């Protein structure tokens, strides 16, 4: 049942290398921005575990603070394309945590940002997200020389793809209405990307394990008038899920009990514009 997670639920720790997801280290050269915060009552489940949607909000705020600290006045906004969260453990209520965020790759019109959350016992969670630069007319925009001056050194010249790889919904998977609220919409006029992670929390409330890996891919924004449904598959060690509207995908996600290396993206797709 939703909201019934118990304090006994912990990330699975199976034997072997899959037990601990690999984290990308901060670059030795280039910009790394750090900030700290306390896990508050509005960020946790009834059992006191940091929720994934709250972590997604931490990521947004760290990125916003990073850009503000540079003074960069970009002629475009950002829309998240995909995000992968790896977890060795989860912070709890009143924990003091530190976030370090840095750019780990670019494409012509998008950039990858990696953010590591650390607690008293070391690195706990890491998120890698691809963000697309979007001009005021809604089209993808070139990152521009100022972005590369500020963030390019940290990438080491690494190129990344904006391709989406999660499968389409299983036609036989059960689904239910997933209503959105007025407070879910942000200044861009669509549902904020952190809200999508609440769907993952709805599913986690019915599981007896926490994910070592969680993924979210964004196909199109949830707009006023949309009537999303949450569709979920079933599996012993992973749960695929989708937010759909009519016959189209809004977002695709996956919760995995064990850490597994991501599927490689062909090099030739690294510079292809997102569909």
C-alpha atoms as a PDB file:
ATOM      1  CA  UNK A   1       0.000   0.000   0.000  1.00  0.00           C
ATOM      2  CA  UNK A   2       1.158   3.547  -0.729  1.00  0.00           C
ATOM      3  CA  UNK A   3       2.838   5.201   2.201  1.00  0.00           C
ATOM      4  CA  UNK A   4       3.320   1.947   4.124  1.00  0.00           C
ATOM      5  CA  UNK A   5       7.097   1.528   3.717  1.00  0.00           C
ATOM      6  CA  UNK A   6       8.654   0.272   6.937  1.00  0.00           C
ATOM      7  CA  UNK A   7      11.960   1.202   8.508  1.00  0.00           C
ATOM      8  CA  UNK A   8      13.204  -2.346   7.817  1.00  0.00           C
ATOM      9  CA  UNK A   9      13.306  -1.788   4.050  1.00  0.00           C
ATOM     10  CA  UNK A  10      16.896  -1.304   2.857  1.00  0.00           C
ATOM     11  CA  UNK A  11      18.698  -1.422  -0.494  1.00  0.00           C
ATOM     12  CA  UNK A  12      19.489  -5.025  -1.415  1.00  0.00           C
ATOM     13  CA  UNK A  13      23.122  -6.056  -1.015  1.00  0.00           C
ATOM     14  CA  UNK A  14      23.566  -9.205  -3.129  1.00  0.00           C
ATOM     15  CA  UNK A  15      26.980 -10.877  -3.339  1.00  0.00           C
ATOM     16  CA  UNK A  16      29.359  -9.913  -6.102  1.00  0.00           C
ATOM     17  CA  UNK A  17      30.310  -6.803  -8.009  1.00  0.00           C
ATOM     18  CA  UNK A  18      26.704  -5.881  -8.778  1.00  0.00           C
ATOM     19  CA  UNK A  19      26.085  -5.018  -5.124  1.00  0.00           C
ATOM     20  CA  UNK A  20      27.826  -1.630  -5.261  1.00  0.00           C
ATOM     21  CA  UNK A  21      27.039   0.632  -8.229  1.00  0.00           C
ATOM     22  CA  UNK A  22      30.091   2.390  -9.681  1.00  0.00           C
ATOM     23  CA  UNK A  23      30.170   6.159  -9.204  1.00  0.00           C
ATOM     24  CA  UNK A  24      31.829   8.643 -11.550  1.00  0.00           C
ATOM     25  CA  UNK A  25      34.578  10.522  -9.685  1.00  0.00           C
ATOM     26  CA  UNK A  26      34.664  14.306  -9.680  1.00  0.00           C
ATOM     27  CA  UNK A  27      37.071  15.650 -12.309  1.00  0.00           C
ATOM     28  CA  UNK A  28      40.571  16.596 -11.245  1.00  0.00           C
ATOM     29  CA  UNK A  29      40.365  19.665 -13.494  1.00  0.00           C
ATOM     30  CA  UNK A  30      37.436  21.928 -14.271  1.00  0.00           C
ATOM     31  CA  UNK A  31      34.463  23.211 -12.367  1.00  0.00           C
ATOM     32  CA  UNK A  32      32.967  21.273  -9.458  1.00  0.00           C
ATOM     33  CA  UNK A  33      30.279  23.018  -7.408  1.00  0.00           C
ATOM     34  CA  UNK A  34      29.503  21.940  -3.853  1.00  0.00           C
ATOM     35  CA  UNK A  35      26.618  22.657  -1.515  1.00  0.00           C
ATOM     36  CA  UNK A  36      25.190  21.183   1.696  1.00  0.00           C
ATOM     37  CA  UNK A  37      21.734  20.721   3.147  1.00  0.00           C
ATOM     38  CA  UNK A  38      19.801  18.902   5.832  1.00  0.00           C
ATOM     39  CA  UNK A  39      17.257  16.201   4.971  1.00  0.00           C
ATOM     40  CA  UNK A  40      13.960  17.658   6.214  1.00  0.00           C
ATOM     41  CA  UNK A  41      10.586  16.218   7.150  1.00  0.00           C
ATOM     42  CA  UNK A  42       9.093  17.129   3.762  1.00  0.00           C
ATOM     43  CA  UNK A  43      11.792  15.113   1.963  1.00  0.00           C
ATOM     44  CA  UNK A  44      11.252  11.672   3.504  1.00  0.00           C
ATOM     45  CA  UNK A  45       8.870   8.717   3.620  1.00  0.00           C
ATOM     46  CA  UNK A  46       7.011   7.845   6.841  1.00  0.00           C
ATOM     47  CA  UNK A  47       9.940   5.520   7.579  1.00  0.00           C
ATOM     48  CA  UNK A  48      12.383   8.443   7.339  1.00  0.00           C
ATOM     49  CA  UNK A  49      14.100   7.543   4.023  1.00  0.00           C
ATOM     50  CA  UNK A  50      14.931  10.282   1.501  1.00  0.00           C
ATOM     51  CA  UNK A  51      12.425  10.019  -1.374  1.00  0.00           C
ATOM     52  CA  UNK A  52      13.549   9.944  -4.992  1.00  0.00           C
ATOM     53  CA  UNK A  53      11.419  12.973  -5.892  1.00  0.00           C
ATOM     54  CA  UNK A  54      13.056  14.952  -3.081  1.00  0.00           C
ATOM     55  CA  UNK A  55      16.482  13.888  -4.359  1.00  0.00           C
ATOM     56  CA  UNK A  56      15.469  15.068  -7.838  1.00  0.00           C
ATOM     57  CA  UNK A  57      14.608  18.436  -6.335  1.00  0.00           C
ATOM     58  CA  UNK A  58      18.014  18.553  -4.636  1.00  0.00           C
ATOM     59  CA  UNK A  59      19.587  17.984  -8.061  1.00  0.00           C
ATOM     60  CA  UNK A  60      17.642  20.841  -9.639  1.00  0.00           C
ATOM     61  CA  UNK A  61      18.510  23.262  -6.874  1.00  0.00           C
ATOM     62  CA  UNK A  62      22.207  22.354  -6.882  1.00  0.00           C
ATOM     63  CA  UNK A  63      22.308  22.898 -10.663  1.00  0.00           C
ATOM     64  CA  UNK A  64      20.499  26.227 -10.390  1.00  0.00           C
ATOM     65  CA  UNK A  65      22.851  27.377  -7.637  1.00  0.00           C
ATOM     66  CA  UNK A  66      25.863  26.279  -9.674  1.00  0.00           C
ATOM     67  CA  UNK A  67      24.815  28.297 -12.717  1.00  0.00           C
ATOM     68  CA  UNK A  68      23.890  31.315 -10.562  1.00  0.00           C
ATOM     69  CA  UNK A  69      27.323  31.163  -8.938  1.00  0.00           C
ATOM     70  CA  UNK A  70      29.009  31.466 -12.351  1.00  0.00           C
ATOM     71  CA  UNK A  71      26.953  34.495 -13.365  1.00  0.00           C
ATOM     72  CA  UNK A  72      26.203  32.793 -16.706  1.00  0.00           C
ATOM     73  CA  UNK A  73      23.148  34.351 -18.385  1.00  0.00           C
ATOM     74  CA  UNK A  74      22.235  31.656 -20.871  1.00  0.00           C
ATOM     75  CA  UNK A  75      19.967  32.639 -23.804  1.00  0.00           C
ATOM     76  CA  UNK A  76      18.092  29.364 -23.334  1.00  0.00           C
ATOM     77  CA  UNK A  77      16.445  27.207 -20.710  1.00  0.00           C
ATOM     78  CA  UNK A  78      16.927  23.531 -19.903  1.00  0.00           C
ATOM     79  CA  UNK A  79      14.661  20.476 -20.202  1.00  0.00           C
ATOM     80  CA  UNK A  80      15.751  17.169 -18.724  1.00  0.00           C
ATOM     81  CA  UNK A  81      15.920  14.322 -21.234  1.00  0.00           C
ATOM     82  CA  UNK A  82      16.830  11.409 -18.986  1.00  0.00           C
ATOM     83  CA  UNK A  83      18.181  10.732 -15.509  1.00  0.00           C
ATOM     84  CA  UNK A  84      19.787   7.681 -13.906  1.00  0.00           C
ATOM     85  CA  UNK A  85      20.154   7.434 -10.124  1.00  0.00           C
ATOM     86  CA  UNK A  86      22.580   4.958  -8.535  1.00  0.00           C
ATOM     87  CA  UNK A  87      22.302   4.313  -4.807  1.00  0.00           C
ATOM     88  CA  UNK A  88      24.639   2.631  -2.352  1.00  0.00           C
ATOM     89  CA  UNK A  89      22.412   3.805   0.484  1.00  0.00           C
ATOM     90  CA  UNK A  90      19.750   6.397   1.273  1.00  0.00           C
ATOM     91  CA  UNK A  91      20.005   9.386   3.635  1.00  0.00           C
ATOM     92  CA  UNK A  92      17.523   9.644   6.476  1.00  0.00           C
ATOM     93  CA  UNK A  93      15.640  12.380   8.251  1.00  0.00           C
ATOM     94  CA  UNK A  94      17.908  15.089   9.730  1.00  0.00           C
ATOM     95  CA  UNK A  95      21.031  13.750   8.023  1.00  0.00           C
ATOM     96  CA  UNK A  96      23.406  16.455   6.883  1.00  0.00           C
ATOM     97  CA  UNK A  97      24.391  15.760   3.263  1.00  0.00           C
ATOM     98  CA  UNK A  98      26.755  17.310   0.752  1.00  0.00           C
ATOM     99  CA  UNK A  99      26.225  17.527  -3.006  1.00  0.00           C
ATOM    100  CA  UNK A 100      28.970  17.907  -5.612  1.00  0.00           C
ATOM    101  CA  UNK A 101      27.848  18.615  -9.172  1.00  0.00           C
ATOM    102  CA  UNK A 102      29.867  18.801 -12.374  1.00  0.00           C
ATOM    103  CA  UNK A 103      29.527  18.467 -16.140  1.00  0.00           C
ATOM    104  CA  UNK A 104      30.539  15.054 -17.494  1.00  0.00           C
ATOM    105  CA  UNK A 105      29.856  15.415 -21.211  1.00  0.00           C
ATOM    106  CA  UNK A 106      28.220  17.427 -23.955  1.00  0.00           C
ATOM    107  CA  UNK A 107      26.473  17.129 -27.289  1.00  0.00           C
ATOM    108  CA  UNK A 108      25.748  19.941 -29.746  1.00  0.00           C
ATOM    109  CA  UNK A 109      22.576  21.016 -27.904  1.00  0.00           C
ATOM    110  CA  UNK A 110      22.675  19.182 -24.597  1.00  0.00           C
ATOM    111  CA  UNK A 111      24.911  18.510 -21.635  1.00  0.00           C
ATOM    112  CA  UNK A 112      25.289  15.785 -19.030  1.00  0.00           C
ATOM    113  CA  UNK A 113      25.420  16.781 -15.370  1.00  0.00           C
ATOM    114  CA  UNK A 114      26.525  14.362 -12.663  1.00  0.00           C
ATOM    115  CA  UNK A 115      25.734  15.008  -9.011  1.00  0.00           C
ATOM    116  CA  UNK A 116      27.015  12.987  -6.048  1.00  0.00           C
ATOM    117  CA  UNK A 117      25.306  13.047  -2.660  1.00  0.00           C
ATOM    118  CA  UNK A 118      27.527  12.182   0.299  1.00  0.00           C
ATOM    119  CA  UNK A 119      26.712  11.580   3.930  1.00  0.00           C
ATOM    120  CA  UNK A 120      28.620  10.918   7.106  1.00  0.00           C
ATOM    121  CA  UNK A 121      29.739   7.505   5.819  1.00  0.00           C
ATOM    122  CA  UNK A 122      30.793   8.577   2.325  1.00  0.00           C
ATOM    123  CA  UNK A 123      29.141   8.708  -1.099  1.00  0.00           C
ATOM    124  CA  UNK A 124      25.556   7.412  -1.025  1.00  0.00           C
ATOM    125  CA  UNK A 125      23.792   8.425  -4.243  1.00  0.00           C
ATOM    126  CA  UNK A 126      24.770   9.667  -7.678  1.00  0.00           C
ATOM    127  CA  UNK A 127      22.568  11.015 -10.456  1.00  0.00           C
ATOM    128  CA  UNK A 128      23.572  11.450 -14.083  1.00  0.00           C
ATOM    129  CA  UNK A 129      21.165  13.556 -16.119  1.00  0.00           C
ATOM    130  CA  UNK A 130      21.143  14.771 -19.714  1.00  0.00           C
ATOM    131  CA  UNK A 131      19.642  18.232 -20.131  1.00  0.00           C
ATOM    132  CA  UNK A 132      18.694  19.732 -23.498  1.00  0.00           C
ATOM    133  CA  UNK A 133      19.210  23.459 -24.061  1.00  0.00           C
ATOM    134  CA  UNK A 134      15.913  24.903 -25.330  1.00  0.00           C
ATOM    135  CA  UNK A 135      15.561  28.334 -26.979  1.00  0.00           C
ATOM    136  CA  UNK A 136      12.561  30.600 -26.276  1.00  0.00           C
ATOM    137  CA  UNK A 137      10.916  29.307 -29.475  1.00  0.00           C
ATOM    138  CA  UNK A 138      11.001  25.762 -28.059  1.00  0.00           C
ATOM    139  CA  UNK A 139      13.720  24.408 -30.339  1.00  0.00           C
ATOM    140  CA  UNK A 140      17.027  22.890 -29.145  1.00  0.00           C
ATOM    141  CA  UNK A 141      19.773  25.520 -28.957  1.00  0.00           C
ATOM    142  CA  UNK A 142      23.545  25.428 -29.346  1.00  0.00           C
ATOM    143  CA  UNK A 143      25.325  25.468 -25.985  1.00  0.00           C
ATOM    144  CA  UNK A 144      27.610  28.305 -27.084  1.00  0.00           C
ATOM    145  CA  UNK A 145      31.202  29.293 -26.252  1.00  0.00           C
ATOM    146  CA  UNK A 146      30.463  30.689 -22.771  1.00  0.00           C
ATOM    147  CA  UNK A 147      29.002  27.383 -21.619  1.00  0.00           C
ATOM    148  CA  UNK A 148      32.067  25.533 -22.880  1.00  0.00           C
ATOM    149  CA  UNK A 149      34.387  28.073 -21.232  1.00  0.00           C
ATOM    150  CA  UNK A 150      32.746  27.432 -17.870  1.00  0.00           C
ATOM    151  CA  UNK A 151      32.035  23.696 -18.043  1.00  0.00           C
ATOM    152  CA  UNK A 152      34.037  22.242 -20.910  1.00  0.00           C
ATOM    153  CA  UNK A 153      37.256  21.503 -19.031  1.00  0.00           C
ATOM    154  CA  UNK A 154      35.489  19.223 -16.563  1.00  0.00           C
ATOM    155  CA  UNK A 155      34.177  17.003 -19.384  1.00  0.00           C
ATOM    156  CA  UNK A 156      37.623  16.154 -20.731  1.00  0.00           C
ATOM    157  CA  UNK A 157      36.107  16.381 -24.224  1.00  0.00           C
ATOM    158  CA  UNK A 158      33.650  13.556 -23.587  1.00  0.00           C
ATOM    159  CA  UNK A 159      30.653  13.427 -25.955  1.00  0.00           C
ATOM    160  CA  UNK A 160      27.294  12.070 -24.824  1.00  0.00           C
ATOM    161  CA  UNK A 161      24.093  11.020 -26.539  1.00  0.00           C
ATOM    162  CA  UNK A 162      20.590  12.307 -25.855  1.00  0.00           C
ATOM    163  CA  UNK A 163      19.064   9.042 -27.048  1.00  0.00           C
ATOM    164  CA  UNK A 164      16.310   7.333 -25.036  1.00  0.00           C
ATOM    165  CA  UNK A 165      16.575   3.556 -24.627  1.00  0.00           C
ATOM    166  CA  UNK A 166      13.878   2.276 -22.254  1.00  0.00           C
ATOM    167  CA  UNK A 167      11.250   0.024 -23.906  1.00  0.00           C
ATOM    168  CA  UNK A 168       7.673   0.881 -24.767  1.00  0.00           C
ATOM    169  CA  UNK A 169       4.869  -0.036 -22.341  1.00  0.00           C
ATOM    170  CA  UNK A 170       3.834  -3.641 -22.001  1.00  0.00           C
ATOM    171  CA  UNK A 171       0.264  -3.767 -23.388  1.00  0.00           C
ATOM    172  CA  UNK A 172      -0.667  -6.308 -20.710  1.00  0.00           C
ATOM    173  CA  UNK A 173       0.680  -4.270 -17.781  1.00  0.00           C
ATOM    174  CA  UNK A 174      -1.935  -2.914 -15.355  1.00  0.00           C
ATOM    175  CA  UNK A 175      -2.427   0.821 -14.993  1.00  0.00           C
ATOM    176  CA  UNK A 176      -4.279   3.391 -12.931  1.00  0.00           C
ATOM    177  CA  UNK A 177      -5.067   7.080 -13.149  1.00  0.00           C
ATOM    178  CA  UNK A 178      -2.236   9.256 -11.876  1.00  0.00           C
ATOM    179  CA  UNK A 179      -3.755  12.708 -11.321  1.00  0.00           C
ATOM    180  CA  UNK A 180      -1.588  15.815 -11.304  1.00  0.00           C
ATOM    181  CA  UNK A 181      -2.203  18.899  -9.167  1.00  0.00           C
ATOM    182  CA  UNK A 182      -1.920  22.615  -9.857  1.00  0.00           C
ATOM    183  CA  UNK A 183       1.127  22.717  -7.570  1.00  0.00           C
ATOM    184  CA  UNK A 184       2.942  20.209  -9.818  1.00  0.00           C
ATOM    185  CA  UNK A 185       3.330  22.763 -12.631  1.00  0.00           C
ATOM    186  CA  UNK A 186       6.393  24.991 -12.796  1.00  0.00           C
ATOM    187  CA  UNK A 187       7.248  28.289 -14.488  1.00  0.00           C
ATOM    188  CA  UNK A 188       7.599  26.518 -17.846  1.00  0.00           C
ATOM    189  CA  UNK A 189       3.894  25.647 -17.755  1.00  0.00           C
ATOM    190  CA  UNK A 190       4.329  21.882 -17.487  1.00  0.00           C
ATOM    191  CA  UNK A 191       4.727  19.387 -14.660  1.00  0.00           C
ATOM    192  CA  UNK A 192       8.176  19.725 -13.109  1.00  0.00           C
ATOM    193  CA  UNK A 193      10.485  16.796 -13.818  1.00  0.00           C
ATOM    194  CA  UNK A 194      10.965  16.037 -10.105  1.00  0.00           C
ATOM    195  CA  UNK A 195       7.242  15.253  -9.808  1.00  0.00           C
ATOM    196  CA  UNK A 196       7.604  12.281 -12.181  1.00  0.00           C
ATOM    197  CA  UNK A 197       9.709  10.574  -9.515  1.00  0.00           C
ATOM    198  CA  UNK A 198       6.638  10.514  -7.253  1.00  0.00           C
ATOM    199  CA  UNK A 199       5.363   7.764  -9.553  1.00  0.00           C
ATOM    200  CA  UNK A 200       8.450   5.736  -8.652  1.00  0.00           C
ATOM    201  CA  UNK A 201       7.717   6.318  -4.967  1.00  0.00           C
ATOM    202  CA  UNK A 202       4.130   5.107  -5.475  1.00  0.00           C
ATOM    203  CA  UNK A 203       5.580   1.822  -6.715  1.00  0.00           C
ATOM    204  CA  UNK A 204       8.321   1.563  -4.086  1.00  0.00           C
ATOM    205  CA  UNK A 205       5.685   1.775  -1.357  1.00  0.00           C
ATOM    206  CA  UNK A 206       4.510  -1.681  -2.436  1.00  0.00           C
ATOM    207  CA  UNK A 207       7.969  -3.298  -2.587  1.00  0.00           C
ATOM    208  CA  UNK A 208      10.136  -4.803   0.140  1.00  0.00           C
ATOM    209  CA  UNK A 209      13.386  -3.556  -1.444  1.00  0.00           C
ATOM    210  CA  UNK A 210      14.900  -0.252  -2.506  1.00  0.00           C
ATOM    211  CA  UNK A 211      16.597   0.244  -5.862  1.00  0.00           C
ATOM    212  CA  UNK A 212      20.325   0.310  -6.453  1.00  0.00           C
ATOM    213  CA  UNK A 213      19.468   1.865  -9.827  1.00  0.00           C
ATOM    214  CA  UNK A 214      16.487   4.005 -10.860  1.00  0.00           C
ATOM    215  CA  UNK A 215      15.964   5.505 -14.310  1.00  0.00           C
ATOM    216  CA  UNK A 216      13.593   8.085 -15.750  1.00  0.00           C
ATOM    217  CA  UNK A 217      13.274   9.134 -19.389  1.00  0.00           C
ATOM    218  CA  UNK A 218      11.108  12.054 -20.480  1.00  0.00           C
ATOM    219  CA  UNK A 219       9.299  11.762 -23.809  1.00  0.00           C
ATOM    220  CA  UNK A 220       7.159  14.863 -23.660  1.00  0.00           C
ATOM    221  CA  UNK A 221       6.063  17.280 -20.928  1.00  0.00           C
ATOM    222  CA  UNK A 222       2.883  16.709 -18.933  1.00  0.00           C
ATOM    223  CA  UNK A 223       0.716  19.686 -19.858  1.00  0.00           C
ATOM    224  CA  UNK A 224      -2.516  21.120 -18.427  1.00  0.00           C
ATOM    225  CA  UNK A 225      -5.404  18.984 -19.614  1.00  0.00           C
ATOM    226  CA  UNK A 226      -3.382  15.768 -19.791  1.00  0.00           C
ATOM    227  CA  UNK A 227      -4.796  12.807 -17.876  1.00  0.00           C
ATOM    228  CA  UNK A 228      -1.781  10.624 -17.064  1.00  0.00           C
ATOM    229  CA  UNK A 229      -1.975   6.966 -16.153  1.00  0.00           C
ATOM    230  CA  UNK A 230       0.728   5.060 -14.298  1.00  0.00           C
ATOM    231  CA  UNK A 231       1.404   1.681 -15.924  1.00  0.00           C
ATOM    232  CA  UNK A 232       3.787  -0.765 -14.269  1.00  0.00           C
ATOM    233  CA  UNK A 233       5.248  -4.141 -15.114  1.00  0.00           C
ATOM    234  CA  UNK A 234       6.225  -6.792 -12.615  1.00  0.00           C
ATOM    235  CA  UNK A 235       9.497  -8.516 -11.835  1.00  0.00           C
ATOM    236  CA  UNK A 236      11.327 -10.008  -8.901  1.00  0.00           C
ATOM    237  CA  UNK A 237      14.336  -7.707  -9.185  1.00  0.00           C
ATOM    238  CA  UNK A 238      13.161  -4.838 -11.387  1.00  0.00           C
ATOM    239  CA  UNK A 239       9.998  -2.905 -12.096  1.00  0.00           C
ATOM    240  CA  UNK A 240       9.512  -1.084 -15.417  1.00  0.00           C
ATOM    241  CA  UNK A 241       6.917   1.676 -15.422  1.00  0.00           C
ATOM    242  CA  UNK A 242       5.448   4.344 -17.656  1.00  0.00           C
ATOM    243  CA  UNK A 243       3.396   7.505 -17.453  1.00  0.00           C
ATOM    244  CA  UNK A 244       1.086   7.547 -20.465  1.00  0.00           C
ATOM    245  CA  UNK A 245      -1.549   9.889 -21.828  1.00  0.00           C
ATOM    246  CA  UNK A 246      -3.959   8.392 -24.328  1.00  0.00           C
ATOM    247  CA  UNK A 247      -1.806   6.293 -26.626  1.00  0.00           C
ATOM    248  CA  UNK A 248       1.435   8.194 -26.057  1.00  0.00           C
ATOM    249  CA  UNK A 249       4.276   7.945 -23.566  1.00  0.00           C
ATOM    250  CA  UNK A 250       4.974  10.874 -21.283  1.00  0.00           C
ATOM    251  CA  UNK A 251       7.808   9.183 -19.388  1.00  0.00           C
ATOM    252  CA  UNK A 252       9.413   5.771 -18.997  1.00  0.00           C
ATOM    253  CA  UNK A 253      11.155   4.480 -15.891  1.00  0.00           C
ATOM    254  CA  UNK A 254      12.811   1.478 -14.329  1.00  0.00           C
ATOM    255  CA  UNK A 255      13.533   0.486 -10.740  1.00  0.00           C
ATOM    256  CA  UNK A 256      16.260  -2.160 -10.369  1.00  0.00           C
ATOM    257  CA  UNK A 257      17.129  -3.924  -7.163  1.00  0.00           C
ATOM    258  CA  UNK A 258      20.701  -4.612  -8.242  1.00  0.00           C
ATOM    259  CA  UNK A 259      23.236  -2.341  -9.902  1.00  0.00           C
ATOM    260  CA  UNK A 260      23.967  -3.201 -13.505  1.00  0.00           C
ATOM    261  CA  UNK A 261      26.129  -1.355 -16.040  1.00  0.00           C
ATOM    262  CA  UNK A 262      24.058   0.787 -18.440  1.00  0.00           C
ATOM    263  CA  UNK A 263      23.588  -0.378 -22.010  1.00  0.00           C
ATOM    264  CA  UNK A 264      26.175   1.289 -24.274  1.00  0.00           C
ATOM    265  CA  UNK A 265      24.905   3.903 -26.716  1.00  0.00           C
ATOM    266  CA  UNK A 266      26.395   3.659 -30.213  1.00  0.00           C
ATOM    267  CA  UNK A 267      29.004   6.352 -30.825  1.00  0.00           C
ATOM    268  CA  UNK A 268      27.361   7.473 -34.052  1.00  0.00           C
ATOM    269  CA  UNK A 269      24.253   8.519 -32.079  1.00  0.00           C
ATOM    270  CA  UNK A 270      26.159  10.830 -29.750  1.00  0.00           C
ATOM    271  CA  UNK A 271      25.517  13.970 -31.811  1.00  0.00           C
ATOM    272  CA  UNK A 272      22.006  13.152 -33.036  1.00  0.00           C
ATOM    273  CA  UNK A 273      19.318  15.634 -32.001  1.00  0.00           C
ATOM    274  CA  UNK A 274      16.714  14.281 -29.563  1.00  0.00           C
ATOM    275  CA  UNK A 275      13.521  13.187 -31.283  1.00  0.00           C
END
